PDBML (XML) file of the C-alpha atoms, coordinates in Angstrom:
<?xml version="1.0" encoding="UTF-8" ?>
<PDBx:datablock datablockName="MODEL"
   xmlns:PDBx="http://pdbml.pdb.org/schema/pdbx-v50.xsd"
   xmlns:xsi="http://www.w3.org/2001/XMLSchema-instance"
   xsi:schemaLocation="http://pdbml.pdb.org/schema/pdbx-v50.xsd pdbx-v50.xsd">
   <PDBx:atom_siteCategory>
      <PDBx:atom_site id="1">
         <PDBx:B_iso_or_equiv>0.00</PDBx:B_iso_or_equiv>
         <PDBx:Cartn_x>0.075</PDBx:Cartn_x>
         <PDBx:Cartn_y>-0.183</PDBx:Cartn_y>
         <PDBx:Cartn_z>0.208</PDBx:Cartn_z>
         <PDBx:auth_asym_id>A</PDBx:auth_asym_id>
         <PDBx:auth_atom_id>CA</PDBx:auth_atom_id>
         <PDBx:auth_comp_id>LEU</PDBx:auth_comp_id>
         <PDBx:auth_seq_id>1</PDBx:auth_seq_id>
         <PDBx:group_PDB>ATOM</PDBx:group_PDB>
         <PDBx:label_alt_id xsi:nil="true" />
         <PDBx:label_asym_id>A</PDBx:label_asym_id>
         <PDBx:label_atom_id>CA</PDBx:label_atom_id>
         <PDBx:label_comp_id>LEU</PDBx:label_comp_id>
         <PDBx:label_entity_id>1</PDBx:label_entity_id>
         <PDBx:label_seq_id>1</PDBx:label_seq_id>
         <PDBx:occupancy>1.00</PDBx:occupancy>
         <PDBx:pdbx_PDB_model_num>1</PDBx:pdbx_PDB_model_num>
         <PDBx:type_symbol>C</PDBx:type_symbol>
      </PDBx:atom_site>
      <PDBx:atom_site id="2">
         <PDBx:B_iso_or_equiv>0.00</PDBx:B_iso_or_equiv>
         <PDBx:Cartn_x>2.723</PDBx:Cartn_x>
         <PDBx:Cartn_y>2.446</PDBx:Cartn_y>
         <PDBx:Cartn_z>1.108</PDBx:Cartn_z>
         <PDBx:auth_asym_id>A</PDBx:auth_asym_id>
         <PDBx:auth_atom_id>CA</PDBx:auth_atom_id>
         <PDBx:auth_comp_id>GLU</PDBx:auth_comp_id>
         <PDBx:auth_seq_id>2</PDBx:auth_seq_id>
         <PDBx:group_PDB>ATOM</PDBx:group_PDB>
         <PDBx:label_alt_id xsi:nil="true" />
         <PDBx:label_asym_id>A</PDBx:label_asym_id>
         <PDBx:label_atom_id>CA</PDBx:label_atom_id>
         <PDBx:label_comp_id>GLU</PDBx:label_comp_id>
         <PDBx:label_entity_id>1</PDBx:label_entity_id>
         <PDBx:label_seq_id>2</PDBx:label_seq_id>
         <PDBx:occupancy>1.00</PDBx:occupancy>
         <PDBx:pdbx_PDB_model_num>1</PDBx:pdbx_PDB_model_num>
         <PDBx:type_symbol>C</PDBx:type_symbol>
      </PDBx:atom_site>
      <PDBx:atom_site id="3">
         <PDBx:B_iso_or_equiv>0.00</PDBx:B_iso_or_equiv>
         <PDBx:Cartn_x>4.753</PDBx:Cartn_x>
         <PDBx:Cartn_y>1.548</PDBx:Cartn_y>
         <PDBx:Cartn_z>-2.301</PDBx:Cartn_z>
         <PDBx:auth_asym_id>A</PDBx:auth_asym_id>
         <PDBx:auth_atom_id>CA</PDBx:auth_atom_id>
         <PDBx:auth_comp_id>LYS</PDBx:auth_comp_id>
         <PDBx:auth_seq_id>3</PDBx:auth_seq_id>
         <PDBx:group_PDB>ATOM</PDBx:group_PDB>
         <PDBx:label_alt_id xsi:nil="true" />
         <PDBx:label_asym_id>A</PDBx:label_asym_id>
         <PDBx:label_atom_id>CA</PDBx:label_atom_id>
         <PDBx:label_comp_id>LYS</PDBx:label_comp_id>
         <PDBx:label_entity_id>1</PDBx:label_entity_id>
         <PDBx:label_seq_id>3</PDBx:label_seq_id>
         <PDBx:occupancy>1.00</PDBx:occupancy>
         <PDBx:pdbx_PDB_model_num>1</PDBx:pdbx_PDB_model_num>
         <PDBx:type_symbol>C</PDBx:type_symbol>
      </PDBx:atom_site>
      <PDBx:atom_site id="4">
         <PDBx:B_iso_or_equiv>0.00</PDBx:B_iso_or_equiv>
         <PDBx:Cartn_x>1.447</PDBx:Cartn_x>
         <PDBx:Cartn_y>2.154</PDBx:Cartn_y>
         <PDBx:Cartn_z>-4.464</PDBx:Cartn_z>
         <PDBx:auth_asym_id>A</PDBx:auth_asym_id>
         <PDBx:auth_atom_id>CA</PDBx:auth_atom_id>
         <PDBx:auth_comp_id>PHE</PDBx:auth_comp_id>
         <PDBx:auth_seq_id>4</PDBx:auth_seq_id>
         <PDBx:group_PDB>ATOM</PDBx:group_PDB>
         <PDBx:label_alt_id xsi:nil="true" />
         <PDBx:label_asym_id>A</PDBx:label_asym_id>
         <PDBx:label_atom_id>CA</PDBx:label_atom_id>
         <PDBx:label_comp_id>PHE</PDBx:label_comp_id>
         <PDBx:label_entity_id>1</PDBx:label_entity_id>
         <PDBx:label_seq_id>4</PDBx:label_seq_id>
         <PDBx:occupancy>1.00</PDBx:occupancy>
         <PDBx:pdbx_PDB_model_num>1</PDBx:pdbx_PDB_model_num>
         <PDBx:type_symbol>C</PDBx:type_symbol>
      </PDBx:atom_site>
      <PDBx:atom_site id="5">
         <PDBx:B_iso_or_equiv>0.00</PDBx:B_iso_or_equiv>
         <PDBx:Cartn_x>0.902</PDBx:Cartn_x>
         <PDBx:Cartn_y>5.453</PDBx:Cartn_y>
         <PDBx:Cartn_z>-2.607</PDBx:Cartn_z>
         <PDBx:auth_asym_id>A</PDBx:auth_asym_id>
         <PDBx:auth_atom_id>CA</PDBx:auth_atom_id>
         <PDBx:auth_comp_id>ALA</PDBx:auth_comp_id>
         <PDBx:auth_seq_id>5</PDBx:auth_seq_id>
         <PDBx:group_PDB>ATOM</PDBx:group_PDB>
         <PDBx:label_alt_id xsi:nil="true" />
         <PDBx:label_asym_id>A</PDBx:label_asym_id>
         <PDBx:label_atom_id>CA</PDBx:label_atom_id>
         <PDBx:label_comp_id>ALA</PDBx:label_comp_id>
         <PDBx:label_entity_id>1</PDBx:label_entity_id>
         <PDBx:label_seq_id>5</PDBx:label_seq_id>
         <PDBx:occupancy>1.00</PDBx:occupancy>
         <PDBx:pdbx_PDB_model_num>1</PDBx:pdbx_PDB_model_num>
         <PDBx:type_symbol>C</PDBx:type_symbol>
      </PDBx:atom_site>
      <PDBx:atom_site id="6">
         <PDBx:B_iso_or_equiv>0.00</PDBx:B_iso_or_equiv>
         <PDBx:Cartn_x>3.928</PDBx:Cartn_x>
         <PDBx:Cartn_y>6.850</PDBx:Cartn_y>
         <PDBx:Cartn_z>-3.741</PDBx:Cartn_z>
         <PDBx:auth_asym_id>A</PDBx:auth_asym_id>
         <PDBx:auth_atom_id>CA</PDBx:auth_atom_id>
         <PDBx:auth_comp_id>ARG</PDBx:auth_comp_id>
         <PDBx:auth_seq_id>6</PDBx:auth_seq_id>
         <PDBx:group_PDB>ATOM</PDBx:group_PDB>
         <PDBx:label_alt_id xsi:nil="true" />
         <PDBx:label_asym_id>A</PDBx:label_asym_id>
         <PDBx:label_atom_id>CA</PDBx:label_atom_id>
         <PDBx:label_comp_id>ARG</PDBx:label_comp_id>
         <PDBx:label_entity_id>1</PDBx:label_entity_id>
         <PDBx:label_seq_id>6</PDBx:label_seq_id>
         <PDBx:occupancy>1.00</PDBx:occupancy>
         <PDBx:pdbx_PDB_model_num>1</PDBx:pdbx_PDB_model_num>
         <PDBx:type_symbol>C</PDBx:type_symbol>
      </PDBx:atom_site>
      <PDBx:atom_site id="7">
         <PDBx:B_iso_or_equiv>0.00</PDBx:B_iso_or_equiv>
         <PDBx:Cartn_x>3.598</PDBx:Cartn_x>
         <PDBx:Cartn_y>5.321</PDBx:Cartn_y>
         <PDBx:Cartn_z>-7.525</PDBx:Cartn_z>
         <PDBx:auth_asym_id>A</PDBx:auth_asym_id>
         <PDBx:auth_atom_id>CA</PDBx:auth_atom_id>
         <PDBx:auth_comp_id>ALA</PDBx:auth_comp_id>
         <PDBx:auth_seq_id>7</PDBx:auth_seq_id>
         <PDBx:group_PDB>ATOM</PDBx:group_PDB>
         <PDBx:label_alt_id xsi:nil="true" />
         <PDBx:label_asym_id>A</PDBx:label_asym_id>
         <PDBx:label_atom_id>CA</PDBx:label_atom_id>
         <PDBx:label_comp_id>ALA</PDBx:label_comp_id>
         <PDBx:label_entity_id>1</PDBx:label_entity_id>
         <PDBx:label_seq_id>7</PDBx:label_seq_id>
         <PDBx:occupancy>1.00</PDBx:occupancy>
         <PDBx:pdbx_PDB_model_num>1</PDBx:pdbx_PDB_model_num>
         <PDBx:type_symbol>C</PDBx:type_symbol>
      </PDBx:atom_site>
      <PDBx:atom_site id="8">
         <PDBx:B_iso_or_equiv>0.00</PDBx:B_iso_or_equiv>
         <PDBx:Cartn_x>0.435</PDBx:Cartn_x>
         <PDBx:Cartn_y>6.623</PDBx:Cartn_y>
         <PDBx:Cartn_z>-8.127</PDBx:Cartn_z>
         <PDBx:auth_asym_id>A</PDBx:auth_asym_id>
         <PDBx:auth_atom_id>CA</PDBx:auth_atom_id>
         <PDBx:auth_comp_id>GLU</PDBx:auth_comp_id>
         <PDBx:auth_seq_id>8</PDBx:auth_seq_id>
         <PDBx:group_PDB>ATOM</PDBx:group_PDB>
         <PDBx:label_alt_id xsi:nil="true" />
         <PDBx:label_asym_id>A</PDBx:label_asym_id>
         <PDBx:label_atom_id>CA</PDBx:label_atom_id>
         <PDBx:label_comp_id>GLU</PDBx:label_comp_id>
         <PDBx:label_entity_id>1</PDBx:label_entity_id>
         <PDBx:label_seq_id>8</PDBx:label_seq_id>
         <PDBx:occupancy>1.00</PDBx:occupancy>
         <PDBx:pdbx_PDB_model_num>1</PDBx:pdbx_PDB_model_num>
         <PDBx:type_symbol>C</PDBx:type_symbol>
      </PDBx:atom_site>
      <PDBx:atom_site id="9">
         <PDBx:B_iso_or_equiv>0.00</PDBx:B_iso_or_equiv>
         <PDBx:Cartn_x>1.539</PDBx:Cartn_x>
         <PDBx:Cartn_y>10.523</PDBx:Cartn_y>
         <PDBx:Cartn_z>-6.203</PDBx:Cartn_z>
         <PDBx:auth_asym_id>A</PDBx:auth_asym_id>
         <PDBx:auth_atom_id>CA</PDBx:auth_atom_id>
         <PDBx:auth_comp_id>GLY</PDBx:auth_comp_id>
         <PDBx:auth_seq_id>9</PDBx:auth_seq_id>
         <PDBx:group_PDB>ATOM</PDBx:group_PDB>
         <PDBx:label_alt_id xsi:nil="true" />
         <PDBx:label_asym_id>A</PDBx:label_asym_id>
         <PDBx:label_atom_id>CA</PDBx:label_atom_id>
         <PDBx:label_comp_id>GLY</PDBx:label_comp_id>
         <PDBx:label_entity_id>1</PDBx:label_entity_id>
         <PDBx:label_seq_id>9</PDBx:label_seq_id>
         <PDBx:occupancy>1.00</PDBx:occupancy>
         <PDBx:pdbx_PDB_model_num>1</PDBx:pdbx_PDB_model_num>
         <PDBx:type_symbol>C</PDBx:type_symbol>
      </PDBx:atom_site>
      <PDBx:atom_site id="10">
         <PDBx:B_iso_or_equiv>0.00</PDBx:B_iso_or_equiv>
         <PDBx:Cartn_x>-1.265</PDBx:Cartn_x>
         <PDBx:Cartn_y>12.642</PDBx:Cartn_y>
         <PDBx:Cartn_z>-5.236</PDBx:Cartn_z>
         <PDBx:auth_asym_id>A</PDBx:auth_asym_id>
         <PDBx:auth_atom_id>CA</PDBx:auth_atom_id>
         <PDBx:auth_comp_id>LYS</PDBx:auth_comp_id>
         <PDBx:auth_seq_id>10</PDBx:auth_seq_id>
         <PDBx:group_PDB>ATOM</PDBx:group_PDB>
         <PDBx:label_alt_id xsi:nil="true" />
         <PDBx:label_asym_id>A</PDBx:label_asym_id>
         <PDBx:label_atom_id>CA</PDBx:label_atom_id>
         <PDBx:label_comp_id>LYS</PDBx:label_comp_id>
         <PDBx:label_entity_id>1</PDBx:label_entity_id>
         <PDBx:label_seq_id>10</PDBx:label_seq_id>
         <PDBx:occupancy>1.00</PDBx:occupancy>
         <PDBx:pdbx_PDB_model_num>1</PDBx:pdbx_PDB_model_num>
         <PDBx:type_symbol>C</PDBx:type_symbol>
      </PDBx:atom_site>
      <PDBx:atom_site id="11">
         <PDBx:B_iso_or_equiv>0.00</PDBx:B_iso_or_equiv>
         <PDBx:Cartn_x>-4.353</PDBx:Cartn_x>
         <PDBx:Cartn_y>10.289</PDBx:Cartn_y>
         <PDBx:Cartn_z>-5.968</PDBx:Cartn_z>
         <PDBx:auth_asym_id>A</PDBx:auth_asym_id>
         <PDBx:auth_atom_id>CA</PDBx:auth_atom_id>
         <PDBx:auth_comp_id>ARG</PDBx:auth_comp_id>
         <PDBx:auth_seq_id>11</PDBx:auth_seq_id>
         <PDBx:group_PDB>ATOM</PDBx:group_PDB>
         <PDBx:label_alt_id xsi:nil="true" />
         <PDBx:label_asym_id>A</PDBx:label_asym_id>
         <PDBx:label_atom_id>CA</PDBx:label_atom_id>
         <PDBx:label_comp_id>ARG</PDBx:label_comp_id>
         <PDBx:label_entity_id>1</PDBx:label_entity_id>
         <PDBx:label_seq_id>11</PDBx:label_seq_id>
         <PDBx:occupancy>1.00</PDBx:occupancy>
         <PDBx:pdbx_PDB_model_num>1</PDBx:pdbx_PDB_model_num>
         <PDBx:type_symbol>C</PDBx:type_symbol>
      </PDBx:atom_site>
      <PDBx:atom_site id="12">
         <PDBx:B_iso_or_equiv>0.00</PDBx:B_iso_or_equiv>
         <PDBx:Cartn_x>-1.880</PDBx:Cartn_x>
         <PDBx:Cartn_y>7.519</PDBx:Cartn_y>
         <PDBx:Cartn_z>-3.394</PDBx:Cartn_z>
         <PDBx:auth_asym_id>A</PDBx:auth_asym_id>
         <PDBx:auth_atom_id>CA</PDBx:auth_atom_id>
         <PDBx:auth_comp_id>GLY</PDBx:auth_comp_id>
         <PDBx:auth_seq_id>12</PDBx:auth_seq_id>
         <PDBx:group_PDB>ATOM</PDBx:group_PDB>
         <PDBx:label_alt_id xsi:nil="true" />
         <PDBx:label_asym_id>A</PDBx:label_asym_id>
         <PDBx:label_atom_id>CA</PDBx:label_atom_id>
         <PDBx:label_comp_id>GLY</PDBx:label_comp_id>
         <PDBx:label_entity_id>1</PDBx:label_entity_id>
         <PDBx:label_seq_id>12</PDBx:label_seq_id>
         <PDBx:occupancy>1.00</PDBx:occupancy>
         <PDBx:pdbx_PDB_model_num>1</PDBx:pdbx_PDB_model_num>
         <PDBx:type_symbol>C</PDBx:type_symbol>
      </PDBx:atom_site>
      <PDBx:atom_site id="13">
         <PDBx:B_iso_or_equiv>0.00</PDBx:B_iso_or_equiv>
         <PDBx:Cartn_x>-3.251</PDBx:Cartn_x>
         <PDBx:Cartn_y>9.670</PDBx:Cartn_y>
         <PDBx:Cartn_z>-0.300</PDBx:Cartn_z>
         <PDBx:auth_asym_id>A</PDBx:auth_asym_id>
         <PDBx:auth_atom_id>CA</PDBx:auth_atom_id>
         <PDBx:auth_comp_id>GLY</PDBx:auth_comp_id>
         <PDBx:auth_seq_id>13</PDBx:auth_seq_id>
         <PDBx:group_PDB>ATOM</PDBx:group_PDB>
         <PDBx:label_alt_id xsi:nil="true" />
         <PDBx:label_asym_id>A</PDBx:label_asym_id>
         <PDBx:label_atom_id>CA</PDBx:label_atom_id>
         <PDBx:label_comp_id>GLY</PDBx:label_comp_id>
         <PDBx:label_entity_id>1</PDBx:label_entity_id>
         <PDBx:label_seq_id>13</PDBx:label_seq_id>
         <PDBx:occupancy>1.00</PDBx:occupancy>
         <PDBx:pdbx_PDB_model_num>1</PDBx:pdbx_PDB_model_num>
         <PDBx:type_symbol>C</PDBx:type_symbol>
      </PDBx:atom_site>
      <PDBx:atom_site id="14">
         <PDBx:B_iso_or_equiv>0.00</PDBx:B_iso_or_equiv>
         <PDBx:Cartn_x>-6.644</PDBx:Cartn_x>
         <PDBx:Cartn_y>9.040</PDBx:Cartn_y>
         <PDBx:Cartn_z>-1.279</PDBx:Cartn_z>
         <PDBx:auth_asym_id>A</PDBx:auth_asym_id>
         <PDBx:auth_atom_id>CA</PDBx:auth_atom_id>
         <PDBx:auth_comp_id>GLU</PDBx:auth_comp_id>
         <PDBx:auth_seq_id>14</PDBx:auth_seq_id>
         <PDBx:group_PDB>ATOM</PDBx:group_PDB>
         <PDBx:label_alt_id xsi:nil="true" />
         <PDBx:label_asym_id>A</PDBx:label_asym_id>
         <PDBx:label_atom_id>CA</PDBx:label_atom_id>
         <PDBx:label_comp_id>GLU</PDBx:label_comp_id>
         <PDBx:label_entity_id>1</PDBx:label_entity_id>
         <PDBx:label_seq_id>14</PDBx:label_seq_id>
         <PDBx:occupancy>1.00</PDBx:occupancy>
         <PDBx:pdbx_PDB_model_num>1</PDBx:pdbx_PDB_model_num>
         <PDBx:type_symbol>C</PDBx:type_symbol>
      </PDBx:atom_site>
      <PDBx:atom_site id="15">
         <PDBx:B_iso_or_equiv>0.00</PDBx:B_iso_or_equiv>
         <PDBx:Cartn_x>-6.196</PDBx:Cartn_x>
         <PDBx:Cartn_y>5.650</PDBx:Cartn_y>
         <PDBx:Cartn_z>0.370</PDBx:Cartn_z>
         <PDBx:auth_asym_id>A</PDBx:auth_asym_id>
         <PDBx:auth_atom_id>CA</PDBx:auth_atom_id>
         <PDBx:auth_comp_id>PHE</PDBx:auth_comp_id>
         <PDBx:auth_seq_id>15</PDBx:auth_seq_id>
         <PDBx:group_PDB>ATOM</PDBx:group_PDB>
         <PDBx:label_alt_id xsi:nil="true" />
         <PDBx:label_asym_id>A</PDBx:label_asym_id>
         <PDBx:label_atom_id>CA</PDBx:label_atom_id>
         <PDBx:label_comp_id>PHE</PDBx:label_comp_id>
         <PDBx:label_entity_id>1</PDBx:label_entity_id>
         <PDBx:label_seq_id>15</PDBx:label_seq_id>
         <PDBx:occupancy>1.00</PDBx:occupancy>
         <PDBx:pdbx_PDB_model_num>1</PDBx:pdbx_PDB_model_num>
         <PDBx:type_symbol>C</PDBx:type_symbol>
      </PDBx:atom_site>
      <PDBx:atom_site id="16">
         <PDBx:B_iso_or_equiv>0.00</PDBx:B_iso_or_equiv>
         <PDBx:Cartn_x>-2.771</PDBx:Cartn_x>
         <PDBx:Cartn_y>5.859</PDBx:Cartn_y>
         <PDBx:Cartn_z>1.988</PDBx:Cartn_z>
         <PDBx:auth_asym_id>A</PDBx:auth_asym_id>
         <PDBx:auth_atom_id>CA</PDBx:auth_atom_id>
         <PDBx:auth_comp_id>TYR</PDBx:auth_comp_id>
         <PDBx:auth_seq_id>16</PDBx:auth_seq_id>
         <PDBx:group_PDB>ATOM</PDBx:group_PDB>
         <PDBx:label_alt_id xsi:nil="true" />
         <PDBx:label_asym_id>A</PDBx:label_asym_id>
         <PDBx:label_atom_id>CA</PDBx:label_atom_id>
         <PDBx:label_comp_id>TYR</PDBx:label_comp_id>
         <PDBx:label_entity_id>1</PDBx:label_entity_id>
         <PDBx:label_seq_id>16</PDBx:label_seq_id>
         <PDBx:occupancy>1.00</PDBx:occupancy>
         <PDBx:pdbx_PDB_model_num>1</PDBx:pdbx_PDB_model_num>
         <PDBx:type_symbol>C</PDBx:type_symbol>
      </PDBx:atom_site>
      <PDBx:atom_site id="17">
         <PDBx:B_iso_or_equiv>0.00</PDBx:B_iso_or_equiv>
         <PDBx:Cartn_x>-2.060</PDBx:Cartn_x>
         <PDBx:Cartn_y>7.754</PDBx:Cartn_y>
         <PDBx:Cartn_z>5.555</PDBx:Cartn_z>
         <PDBx:auth_asym_id>A</PDBx:auth_asym_id>
         <PDBx:auth_atom_id>CA</PDBx:auth_atom_id>
         <PDBx:auth_comp_id>THR</PDBx:auth_comp_id>
         <PDBx:auth_seq_id>17</PDBx:auth_seq_id>
         <PDBx:group_PDB>ATOM</PDBx:group_PDB>
         <PDBx:label_alt_id xsi:nil="true" />
         <PDBx:label_asym_id>A</PDBx:label_asym_id>
         <PDBx:label_atom_id>CA</PDBx:label_atom_id>
         <PDBx:label_comp_id>THR</PDBx:label_comp_id>
         <PDBx:label_entity_id>1</PDBx:label_entity_id>
         <PDBx:label_seq_id>17</PDBx:label_seq_id>
         <PDBx:occupancy>1.00</PDBx:occupancy>
         <PDBx:pdbx_PDB_model_num>1</PDBx:pdbx_PDB_model_num>
         <PDBx:type_symbol>C</PDBx:type_symbol>
      </PDBx:atom_site>
      <PDBx:atom_site id="18">
         <PDBx:B_iso_or_equiv>0.00</PDBx:B_iso_or_equiv>
         <PDBx:Cartn_x>1.820</PDBx:Cartn_x>
         <PDBx:Cartn_y>7.602</PDBx:Cartn_y>
         <PDBx:Cartn_z>6.250</PDBx:Cartn_z>
         <PDBx:auth_asym_id>A</PDBx:auth_asym_id>
         <PDBx:auth_atom_id>CA</PDBx:auth_atom_id>
         <PDBx:auth_comp_id>PRO</PDBx:auth_comp_id>
         <PDBx:auth_seq_id>18</PDBx:auth_seq_id>
         <PDBx:group_PDB>ATOM</PDBx:group_PDB>
         <PDBx:label_alt_id xsi:nil="true" />
         <PDBx:label_asym_id>A</PDBx:label_asym_id>
         <PDBx:label_atom_id>CA</PDBx:label_atom_id>
         <PDBx:label_comp_id>PRO</PDBx:label_comp_id>
         <PDBx:label_entity_id>1</PDBx:label_entity_id>
         <PDBx:label_seq_id>18</PDBx:label_seq_id>
         <PDBx:occupancy>1.00</PDBx:occupancy>
         <PDBx:pdbx_PDB_model_num>1</PDBx:pdbx_PDB_model_num>
         <PDBx:type_symbol>C</PDBx:type_symbol>
      </PDBx:atom_site>
      <PDBx:atom_site id="19">
         <PDBx:B_iso_or_equiv>0.00</PDBx:B_iso_or_equiv>
         <PDBx:Cartn_x>2.634</PDBx:Cartn_x>
         <PDBx:Cartn_y>4.806</PDBx:Cartn_y>
         <PDBx:Cartn_z>8.888</PDBx:Cartn_z>
         <PDBx:auth_asym_id>A</PDBx:auth_asym_id>
         <PDBx:auth_atom_id>CA</PDBx:auth_atom_id>
         <PDBx:auth_comp_id>ALA</PDBx:auth_comp_id>
         <PDBx:auth_seq_id>19</PDBx:auth_seq_id>
         <PDBx:group_PDB>ATOM</PDBx:group_PDB>
         <PDBx:label_alt_id xsi:nil="true" />
         <PDBx:label_asym_id>A</PDBx:label_asym_id>
         <PDBx:label_atom_id>CA</PDBx:label_atom_id>
         <PDBx:label_comp_id>ALA</PDBx:label_comp_id>
         <PDBx:label_entity_id>1</PDBx:label_entity_id>
         <PDBx:label_seq_id>19</PDBx:label_seq_id>
         <PDBx:occupancy>1.00</PDBx:occupancy>
         <PDBx:pdbx_PDB_model_num>1</PDBx:pdbx_PDB_model_num>
         <PDBx:type_symbol>C</PDBx:type_symbol>
      </PDBx:atom_site>
      <PDBx:atom_site id="20">
         <PDBx:B_iso_or_equiv>0.00</PDBx:B_iso_or_equiv>
         <PDBx:Cartn_x>4.515</PDBx:Cartn_x>
         <PDBx:Cartn_y>7.498</PDBx:Cartn_y>
         <PDBx:Cartn_z>11.546</PDBx:Cartn_z>
         <PDBx:auth_asym_id>A</PDBx:auth_asym_id>
         <PDBx:auth_atom_id>CA</PDBx:auth_atom_id>
         <PDBx:auth_comp_id>SER</PDBx:auth_comp_id>
         <PDBx:auth_seq_id>20</PDBx:auth_seq_id>
         <PDBx:group_PDB>ATOM</PDBx:group_PDB>
         <PDBx:label_alt_id xsi:nil="true" />
         <PDBx:label_asym_id>A</PDBx:label_asym_id>
         <PDBx:label_atom_id>CA</PDBx:label_atom_id>
         <PDBx:label_comp_id>SER</PDBx:label_comp_id>
         <PDBx:label_entity_id>1</PDBx:label_entity_id>
         <PDBx:label_seq_id>20</PDBx:label_seq_id>
         <PDBx:occupancy>1.00</PDBx:occupancy>
         <PDBx:pdbx_PDB_model_num>1</PDBx:pdbx_PDB_model_num>
         <PDBx:type_symbol>C</PDBx:type_symbol>
      </PDBx:atom_site>
      <PDBx:atom_site id="21">
         <PDBx:B_iso_or_equiv>0.00</PDBx:B_iso_or_equiv>
         <PDBx:Cartn_x>1.485</PDBx:Cartn_x>
         <PDBx:Cartn_y>9.637</PDBx:Cartn_y>
         <PDBx:Cartn_z>11.636</PDBx:Cartn_z>
         <PDBx:auth_asym_id>A</PDBx:auth_asym_id>
         <PDBx:auth_atom_id>CA</PDBx:auth_atom_id>
         <PDBx:auth_comp_id>VAL</PDBx:auth_comp_id>
         <PDBx:auth_seq_id>21</PDBx:auth_seq_id>
         <PDBx:group_PDB>ATOM</PDBx:group_PDB>
         <PDBx:label_alt_id xsi:nil="true" />
         <PDBx:label_asym_id>A</PDBx:label_asym_id>
         <PDBx:label_atom_id>CA</PDBx:label_atom_id>
         <PDBx:label_comp_id>VAL</PDBx:label_comp_id>
         <PDBx:label_entity_id>1</PDBx:label_entity_id>
         <PDBx:label_seq_id>21</PDBx:label_seq_id>
         <PDBx:occupancy>1.00</PDBx:occupancy>
         <PDBx:pdbx_PDB_model_num>1</PDBx:pdbx_PDB_model_num>
         <PDBx:type_symbol>C</PDBx:type_symbol>
      </PDBx:atom_site>
      <PDBx:atom_site id="22">
         <PDBx:B_iso_or_equiv>0.00</PDBx:B_iso_or_equiv>
         <PDBx:Cartn_x>-1.061</PDBx:Cartn_x>
         <PDBx:Cartn_y>6.854</PDBx:Cartn_y>
         <PDBx:Cartn_z>12.183</PDBx:Cartn_z>
         <PDBx:auth_asym_id>A</PDBx:auth_asym_id>
         <PDBx:auth_atom_id>CA</PDBx:auth_atom_id>
         <PDBx:auth_comp_id>VAL</PDBx:auth_comp_id>
         <PDBx:auth_seq_id>22</PDBx:auth_seq_id>
         <PDBx:group_PDB>ATOM</PDBx:group_PDB>
         <PDBx:label_alt_id xsi:nil="true" />
         <PDBx:label_asym_id>A</PDBx:label_asym_id>
         <PDBx:label_atom_id>CA</PDBx:label_atom_id>
         <PDBx:label_comp_id>VAL</PDBx:label_comp_id>
         <PDBx:label_entity_id>1</PDBx:label_entity_id>
         <PDBx:label_seq_id>22</PDBx:label_seq_id>
         <PDBx:occupancy>1.00</PDBx:occupancy>
         <PDBx:pdbx_PDB_model_num>1</PDBx:pdbx_PDB_model_num>
         <PDBx:type_symbol>C</PDBx:type_symbol>
      </PDBx:atom_site>
      <PDBx:atom_site id="23">
         <PDBx:B_iso_or_equiv>0.00</PDBx:B_iso_or_equiv>
         <PDBx:Cartn_x>0.902</PDBx:Cartn_x>
         <PDBx:Cartn_y>5.253</PDBx:Cartn_y>
         <PDBx:Cartn_z>15.032</PDBx:Cartn_z>
         <PDBx:auth_asym_id>A</PDBx:auth_asym_id>
         <PDBx:auth_atom_id>CA</PDBx:auth_atom_id>
         <PDBx:auth_comp_id>LYS</PDBx:auth_comp_id>
         <PDBx:auth_seq_id>23</PDBx:auth_seq_id>
         <PDBx:group_PDB>ATOM</PDBx:group_PDB>
         <PDBx:label_alt_id xsi:nil="true" />
         <PDBx:label_asym_id>A</PDBx:label_asym_id>
         <PDBx:label_atom_id>CA</PDBx:label_atom_id>
         <PDBx:label_comp_id>LYS</PDBx:label_comp_id>
         <PDBx:label_entity_id>1</PDBx:label_entity_id>
         <PDBx:label_seq_id>23</PDBx:label_seq_id>
         <PDBx:occupancy>1.00</PDBx:occupancy>
         <PDBx:pdbx_PDB_model_num>1</PDBx:pdbx_PDB_model_num>
         <PDBx:type_symbol>C</PDBx:type_symbol>
      </PDBx:atom_site>
      <PDBx:atom_site id="24">
         <PDBx:B_iso_or_equiv>0.00</PDBx:B_iso_or_equiv>
         <PDBx:Cartn_x>1.183</PDBx:Cartn_x>
         <PDBx:Cartn_y>8.812</PDBx:Cartn_y>
         <PDBx:Cartn_z>16.292</PDBx:Cartn_z>
         <PDBx:auth_asym_id>A</PDBx:auth_asym_id>
         <PDBx:auth_atom_id>CA</PDBx:auth_atom_id>
         <PDBx:auth_comp_id>THR</PDBx:auth_comp_id>
         <PDBx:auth_seq_id>24</PDBx:auth_seq_id>
         <PDBx:group_PDB>ATOM</PDBx:group_PDB>
         <PDBx:label_alt_id xsi:nil="true" />
         <PDBx:label_asym_id>A</PDBx:label_asym_id>
         <PDBx:label_atom_id>CA</PDBx:label_atom_id>
         <PDBx:label_comp_id>THR</PDBx:label_comp_id>
         <PDBx:label_entity_id>1</PDBx:label_entity_id>
         <PDBx:label_seq_id>24</PDBx:label_seq_id>
         <PDBx:occupancy>1.00</PDBx:occupancy>
         <PDBx:pdbx_PDB_model_num>1</PDBx:pdbx_PDB_model_num>
         <PDBx:type_symbol>C</PDBx:type_symbol>
      </PDBx:atom_site>
      <PDBx:atom_site id="25">
         <PDBx:B_iso_or_equiv>0.00</PDBx:B_iso_or_equiv>
         <PDBx:Cartn_x>-3.015</PDBx:Cartn_x>
         <PDBx:Cartn_y>9.155</PDBx:Cartn_y>
         <PDBx:Cartn_z>16.598</PDBx:Cartn_z>
         <PDBx:auth_asym_id>A</PDBx:auth_asym_id>
         <PDBx:auth_atom_id>CA</PDBx:auth_atom_id>
         <PDBx:auth_comp_id>LEU</PDBx:auth_comp_id>
         <PDBx:auth_seq_id>25</PDBx:auth_seq_id>
         <PDBx:group_PDB>ATOM</PDBx:group_PDB>
         <PDBx:label_alt_id xsi:nil="true" />
         <PDBx:label_asym_id>A</PDBx:label_asym_id>
         <PDBx:label_atom_id>CA</PDBx:label_atom_id>
         <PDBx:label_comp_id>LEU</PDBx:label_comp_id>
         <PDBx:label_entity_id>1</PDBx:label_entity_id>
         <PDBx:label_seq_id>25</PDBx:label_seq_id>
         <PDBx:occupancy>1.00</PDBx:occupancy>
         <PDBx:pdbx_PDB_model_num>1</PDBx:pdbx_PDB_model_num>
         <PDBx:type_symbol>C</PDBx:type_symbol>
      </PDBx:atom_site>
   </PDBx:atom_siteCategory>
</PDBx:datablock>
């Protein structure tokens, strides 16, 4: 999911939140 989010660029943000941000929440 992380790799595909990077590959898709801006659209990848629609389905993926960086792991360190999620862990902080």
